[in-house]
Every structure is written in structure tokens, then in C-alpha cells.
Amino acid sequence: MAQLLMMLYKILSGALEIYSVLLIIYILMSWFPTAYDSTFGRLLTTICEPYLAVFRRIIPPIGMISFSGIVALIVLNLARYGLSALFTLLFRLLI
């Protein structure tokens, strides 16, 4: 059971890490406006925009700078830390 729990944690943590990298790439693509028109840009838009839209509704841009991407990354990393704490607690309860 502990091995299954550890494997599940690694899969979920890895997925969150990959999504964080995709978000960083998507945010950096805003520096190159035509990058969103590429096939890769459209794919990242499909993957990342629903998550970022939540934060864009809450956090308005200041001037021409939007901090919603940074806040979205912080929340995603907090979710990873919470996942780690949860699985550590579950692992300790099993042993």
C-alpha cells in the first residue's frame, strides 16, 4: 500500500511540475505576440488559459503588467507543497 501511495504521489507531483513549466513557457510567450499563433502556442493556450483565466478575473492588471501568471504559479506551487504534506501524513498513518 505504501508503494502505491508513493507512486501516486510521484505521478501527481510530476504532473503539477510539468504544468508549472508549461505555464512559465506560456507566460514568457507573451513577450513574442506572434508566438501564440503557432501550433505550439495554440496548444499551450488550450491547456493554460482556463487556469489563468480564474486569476485574471480576480487580479486586475496594473498598467500594462499582469501579475495573474505569477500568482497562478505561486498557487500551483502551494498545491504541490500541500500534496506533499498530505501524502506524508498518509504515509505516516500507514506505518
N, C-alpha and C. Protein backbone atom coordinates (compact mmCIF):
# COMPACT_ATOMS: atom_id res chain seq x y z
N MET A 1 0.82 -1.20 0.00
CA MET A 1 0.00 0.00 0.00
C MET A 1 0.87 1.26 0.00
N ALA A 2 1.97 1.22 0.74
CA ALA A 2 2.85 2.38 0.82
C ALA A 2 3.50 2.65 -0.53
N GLN A 3 3.84 1.60 -1.27
CA GLN A 3 4.45 1.79 -2.59
C GLN A 3 3.45 2.40 -3.57
N LEU A 4 2.20 1.98 -3.48
CA LEU A 4 1.16 2.53 -4.33
C LEU A 4 0.95 4.01 -4.02
N LEU A 5 0.96 4.33 -2.74
CA LEU A 5 0.81 5.72 -2.31
C LEU A 5 1.97 6.58 -2.80
N MET A 6 3.17 6.04 -2.72
CA MET A 6 4.36 6.77 -3.17
C MET A 6 4.33 6.96 -4.69
N MET A 7 3.89 5.96 -5.43
CA MET A 7 3.80 6.08 -6.87
C MET A 7 2.75 7.11 -7.27
N LEU A 8 1.62 7.12 -6.58
CA LEU A 8 0.57 8.09 -6.85
C LEU A 8 1.07 9.51 -6.57
N TYR A 9 1.81 9.67 -5.48
CA TYR A 9 2.38 10.98 -5.16
C TYR A 9 3.34 11.44 -6.26
N LYS A 10 4.20 10.55 -6.71
CA LYS A 10 5.17 10.92 -7.75
C LYS A 10 4.48 11.32 -9.05
N ILE A 11 3.41 10.62 -9.40
CA ILE A 11 2.67 10.94 -10.62
C ILE A 11 2.00 12.30 -10.50
N LEU A 12 1.32 12.54 -9.38
CA LEU A 12 0.63 13.82 -9.20
C LEU A 12 1.61 14.98 -9.09
N SER A 13 2.67 14.78 -8.35
CA SER A 13 3.68 15.83 -8.19
C SER A 13 4.36 16.13 -9.53
N GLY A 14 4.66 15.10 -10.29
CA GLY A 14 5.26 15.28 -11.60
C GLY A 14 4.33 16.02 -12.55
N ALA A 15 3.05 15.71 -12.49
CA ALA A 15 2.07 16.39 -13.35
C ALA A 15 1.99 17.87 -13.00
N LEU A 16 2.00 18.18 -11.72
CA LEU A 16 1.96 19.58 -11.31
C LEU A 16 3.24 20.31 -11.71
N GLU A 17 4.37 19.63 -11.65
CA GLU A 17 5.63 20.23 -12.06
C GLU A 17 5.66 20.50 -13.56
N ILE A 18 5.18 19.56 -14.34
CA ILE A 18 5.12 19.75 -15.80
C ILE A 18 4.17 20.90 -16.14
N TYR A 19 3.04 20.97 -15.44
CA TYR A 19 2.09 22.06 -15.69
C TYR A 19 2.70 23.41 -15.33
N SER A 20 3.50 23.45 -14.28
CA SER A 20 4.19 24.69 -13.91
C SER A 20 5.13 25.14 -15.01
N VAL A 21 5.87 24.21 -15.57
CA VAL A 21 6.79 24.54 -16.67
C VAL A 21 6.01 25.04 -17.88
N LEU A 22 4.90 24.39 -18.20
CA LEU A 22 4.07 24.83 -19.32
C LEU A 22 3.52 26.24 -19.08
N LEU A 23 3.14 26.54 -17.85
CA LEU A 23 2.66 27.88 -17.52
C LEU A 23 3.77 28.92 -17.69
N ILE A 24 4.97 28.59 -17.26
CA ILE A 24 6.08 29.53 -17.41
C ILE A 24 6.34 29.79 -18.89
N ILE A 25 6.34 28.75 -19.70
CA ILE A 25 6.55 28.92 -21.14
C ILE A 25 5.43 29.78 -21.73
N TYR A 26 4.20 29.51 -21.32
CA TYR A 26 3.06 30.27 -21.83
C TYR A 26 3.16 31.74 -21.45
N ILE A 27 3.56 32.01 -20.22
CA ILE A 27 3.70 33.39 -19.76
C ILE A 27 4.82 34.10 -20.52
N LEU A 28 5.93 33.41 -20.72
CA LEU A 28 7.05 34.01 -21.45
C LEU A 28 6.72 34.24 -22.93
N MET A 29 5.79 33.47 -23.46
CA MET A 29 5.38 33.64 -24.85
C MET A 29 4.69 34.98 -25.07
N SER A 30 4.21 35.62 -24.01
CA SER A 30 3.56 36.93 -24.16
C SER A 30 4.55 37.99 -24.62
N TRP A 31 5.83 37.75 -24.45
CA TRP A 31 6.84 38.69 -24.94
C TRP A 31 6.95 38.65 -26.45
N PHE A 32 6.48 37.58 -27.06
CA PHE A 32 6.52 37.41 -28.51
C PHE A 32 5.09 37.22 -29.00
N PRO A 33 4.40 38.29 -29.35
CA PRO A 33 2.96 38.21 -29.66
C PRO A 33 2.59 37.20 -30.74
N THR A 34 3.44 36.99 -31.72
CA THR A 34 3.09 36.04 -32.78
C THR A 34 3.29 34.59 -32.35
N ALA A 35 3.89 34.37 -31.19
CA ALA A 35 4.13 33.00 -30.71
C ALA A 35 2.82 32.27 -30.41
N TYR A 36 1.79 33.02 -30.04
CA TYR A 36 0.50 32.38 -29.74
C TYR A 36 -0.17 31.84 -31.00
N ASP A 37 0.24 32.32 -32.16
CA ASP A 37 -0.38 31.88 -33.42
C ASP A 37 0.20 30.56 -33.94
N SER A 38 1.30 30.12 -33.35
CA SER A 38 1.90 28.86 -33.78
C SER A 38 1.08 27.68 -33.26
N THR A 39 1.35 26.51 -33.76
CA THR A 39 0.65 25.30 -33.30
C THR A 39 0.92 25.05 -31.83
N PHE A 40 2.17 25.20 -31.43
CA PHE A 40 2.53 25.02 -30.02
C PHE A 40 1.86 26.08 -29.15
N GLY A 41 1.79 27.30 -29.64
CA GLY A 41 1.14 28.38 -28.89
C GLY A 41 -0.35 28.13 -28.70
N ARG A 42 -1.01 27.63 -29.74
CA ARG A 42 -2.44 27.30 -29.61
C ARG A 42 -2.66 26.15 -28.64
N LEU A 43 -1.75 25.18 -28.65
CA LEU A 43 -1.85 24.05 -27.72
C LEU A 43 -1.70 24.54 -26.28
N LEU A 44 -0.69 25.39 -26.05
CA LEU A 44 -0.49 25.93 -24.70
C LEU A 44 -1.66 26.81 -24.27
N THR A 45 -2.24 27.56 -25.20
CA THR A 45 -3.41 28.37 -24.89
C THR A 45 -4.56 27.49 -24.42
N THR A 46 -4.77 26.39 -25.10
CA THR A 46 -5.84 25.46 -24.73
C THR A 46 -5.60 24.86 -23.34
N ILE A 47 -4.34 24.60 -23.03
CA ILE A 47 -4.01 23.95 -21.75
C ILE A 47 -3.97 24.96 -20.60
N CYS A 48 -3.38 26.11 -20.82
CA CYS A 48 -3.08 27.03 -19.71
C CYS A 48 -4.13 28.11 -19.49
N GLU A 49 -4.82 28.53 -20.54
CA GLU A 49 -5.73 29.66 -20.41
C GLU A 49 -6.89 29.45 -19.43
N PRO A 50 -7.50 28.27 -19.36
CA PRO A 50 -8.59 28.11 -18.37
C PRO A 50 -8.13 28.33 -16.93
N TYR A 51 -6.94 27.87 -16.61
CA TYR A 51 -6.41 28.06 -15.25
C TYR A 51 -6.05 29.53 -15.01
N LEU A 52 -5.41 30.16 -15.97
CA LEU A 52 -5.01 31.55 -15.81
C LEU A 52 -6.21 32.49 -15.82
N ALA A 53 -7.28 32.14 -16.51
CA ALA A 53 -8.47 32.99 -16.58
C ALA A 53 -9.08 33.21 -15.20
N VAL A 54 -8.99 32.21 -14.35
CA VAL A 54 -9.51 32.36 -12.98
C VAL A 54 -8.79 33.49 -12.26
N PHE A 55 -7.49 33.55 -12.40
CA PHE A 55 -6.70 34.57 -11.72
C PHE A 55 -6.83 35.93 -12.40
N ARG A 56 -7.04 35.95 -13.69
CA ARG A 56 -7.22 37.23 -14.40
C ARG A 56 -8.53 37.90 -14.00
N ARG A 57 -9.53 37.11 -13.65
CA ARG A 57 -10.79 37.70 -13.19
C ARG A 57 -10.63 38.31 -11.80
N ILE A 58 -9.76 37.74 -10.98
CA ILE A 58 -9.58 38.20 -9.61
C ILE A 58 -8.57 39.35 -9.51
N ILE A 59 -7.46 39.24 -10.25
CA ILE A 59 -6.36 40.19 -10.13
C ILE A 59 -6.31 41.05 -11.39
N PRO A 60 -6.67 42.34 -11.26
CA PRO A 60 -6.62 43.20 -12.45
C PRO A 60 -5.18 43.57 -12.80
N PRO A 61 -4.90 43.83 -14.07
CA PRO A 61 -3.55 44.25 -14.43
C PRO A 61 -3.25 45.65 -13.90
N ILE A 62 -2.00 45.87 -13.58
CA ILE A 62 -1.56 47.19 -13.13
C ILE A 62 -0.83 47.82 -14.30
N GLY A 63 -1.46 48.80 -14.90
CA GLY A 63 -0.90 49.39 -16.12
C GLY A 63 -0.96 48.37 -17.24
N MET A 64 0.18 48.06 -17.80
CA MET A 64 0.25 47.06 -18.87
C MET A 64 0.79 45.74 -18.37
N ILE A 65 0.99 45.62 -17.06
CA ILE A 65 1.59 44.42 -16.48
C ILE A 65 0.53 43.62 -15.72
N SER A 66 0.43 42.35 -16.03
CA SER A 66 -0.49 41.46 -15.34
C SER A 66 0.31 40.53 -14.42
N PHE A 67 -0.09 40.52 -13.17
CA PHE A 67 0.57 39.67 -12.19
C PHE A 67 -0.19 38.36 -11.96
N SER A 68 -1.22 38.13 -12.74
CA SER A 68 -2.03 36.92 -12.54
C SER A 68 -1.24 35.65 -12.80
N GLY A 69 -0.31 35.67 -13.74
CA GLY A 69 0.51 34.49 -14.02
C GLY A 69 1.42 34.13 -12.85
N ILE A 70 1.98 35.14 -12.22
CA ILE A 70 2.85 34.90 -11.06
C ILE A 70 2.04 34.32 -9.91
N VAL A 71 0.86 34.89 -9.68
CA VAL A 71 0.00 34.39 -8.60
C VAL A 71 -0.46 32.96 -8.91
N ALA A 72 -0.76 32.68 -10.17
CA ALA A 72 -1.17 31.33 -10.56
C ALA A 72 -0.05 30.32 -10.30
N LEU A 73 1.19 30.71 -10.60
CA LEU A 73 2.33 29.82 -10.32
C LEU A 73 2.53 29.62 -8.82
N ILE A 74 2.36 30.67 -8.05
CA ILE A 74 2.50 30.54 -6.59
C ILE A 74 1.45 29.59 -6.03
N VAL A 75 0.20 29.73 -6.50
CA VAL A 75 -0.88 28.85 -6.03
C VAL A 75 -0.61 27.41 -6.44
N LEU A 76 -0.09 27.22 -7.65
CA LEU A 76 0.22 25.86 -8.11
C LEU A 76 1.33 25.24 -7.26
N ASN A 77 2.34 26.03 -6.91
CA ASN A 77 3.41 25.52 -6.04
C ASN A 77 2.91 25.25 -4.63
N LEU A 78 2.01 26.08 -4.13
CA LEU A 78 1.40 25.81 -2.82
C LEU A 78 0.60 24.51 -2.86
N ALA A 79 -0.05 24.24 -3.97
CA ALA A 79 -0.78 22.97 -4.12
C ALA A 79 0.19 21.80 -4.09
N ARG A 80 1.36 21.95 -4.71
CA ARG A 80 2.36 20.88 -4.67
C ARG A 80 2.84 20.64 -3.25
N TYR A 81 3.08 21.72 -2.50
CA TYR A 81 3.51 21.56 -1.10
C TYR A 81 2.41 20.93 -0.25
N GLY A 82 1.17 21.31 -0.51
CA GLY A 82 0.04 20.71 0.20
C GLY A 82 -0.10 19.24 -0.12
N LEU A 83 0.12 18.89 -1.38
CA LEU A 83 0.08 17.48 -1.79
C LEU A 83 1.17 16.69 -1.07
N SER A 84 2.34 17.28 -0.98
CA SER A 84 3.44 16.63 -0.27
C SER A 84 3.10 16.41 1.19
N ALA A 85 2.54 17.42 1.83
CA ALA A 85 2.17 17.30 3.24
C ALA A 85 1.09 16.25 3.44
N LEU A 86 0.12 16.22 2.54
CA LEU A 86 -0.96 15.24 2.64
C LEU A 86 -0.44 13.82 2.50
N PHE A 87 0.41 13.58 1.51
CA PHE A 87 0.93 12.23 1.32
C PHE A 87 1.90 11.84 2.43
N THR A 88 2.63 12.80 2.99
CA THR A 88 3.49 12.50 4.13
C THR A 88 2.65 12.06 5.33
N LEU A 89 1.54 12.75 5.55
CA LEU A 89 0.65 12.39 6.65
C LEU A 89 0.04 11.01 6.41
N LEU A 90 -0.41 10.75 5.19
CA LEU A 90 -0.99 9.44 4.88
C LEU A 90 0.03 8.32 5.02
N PHE A 91 1.26 8.59 4.60
CA PHE A 91 2.31 7.60 4.70
C PHE A 91 2.63 7.27 6.16
N ARG A 92 2.66 8.30 6.99
CA ARG A 92 2.92 8.08 8.42
C ARG A 92 1.80 7.32 9.11
N LEU A 93 0.56 7.55 8.65
CA LEU A 93 -0.56 6.81 9.24
C LEU A 93 -0.54 5.34 8.87
N LEU A 94 0.04 5.02 7.70
CA LEU A 94 0.10 3.63 7.28
C LEU A 94 1.21 2.85 7.99
N ILE A 95 2.24 3.54 8.40
CA ILE A 95 3.37 2.83 9.03
C ILE A 95 3.22 2.79 10.53
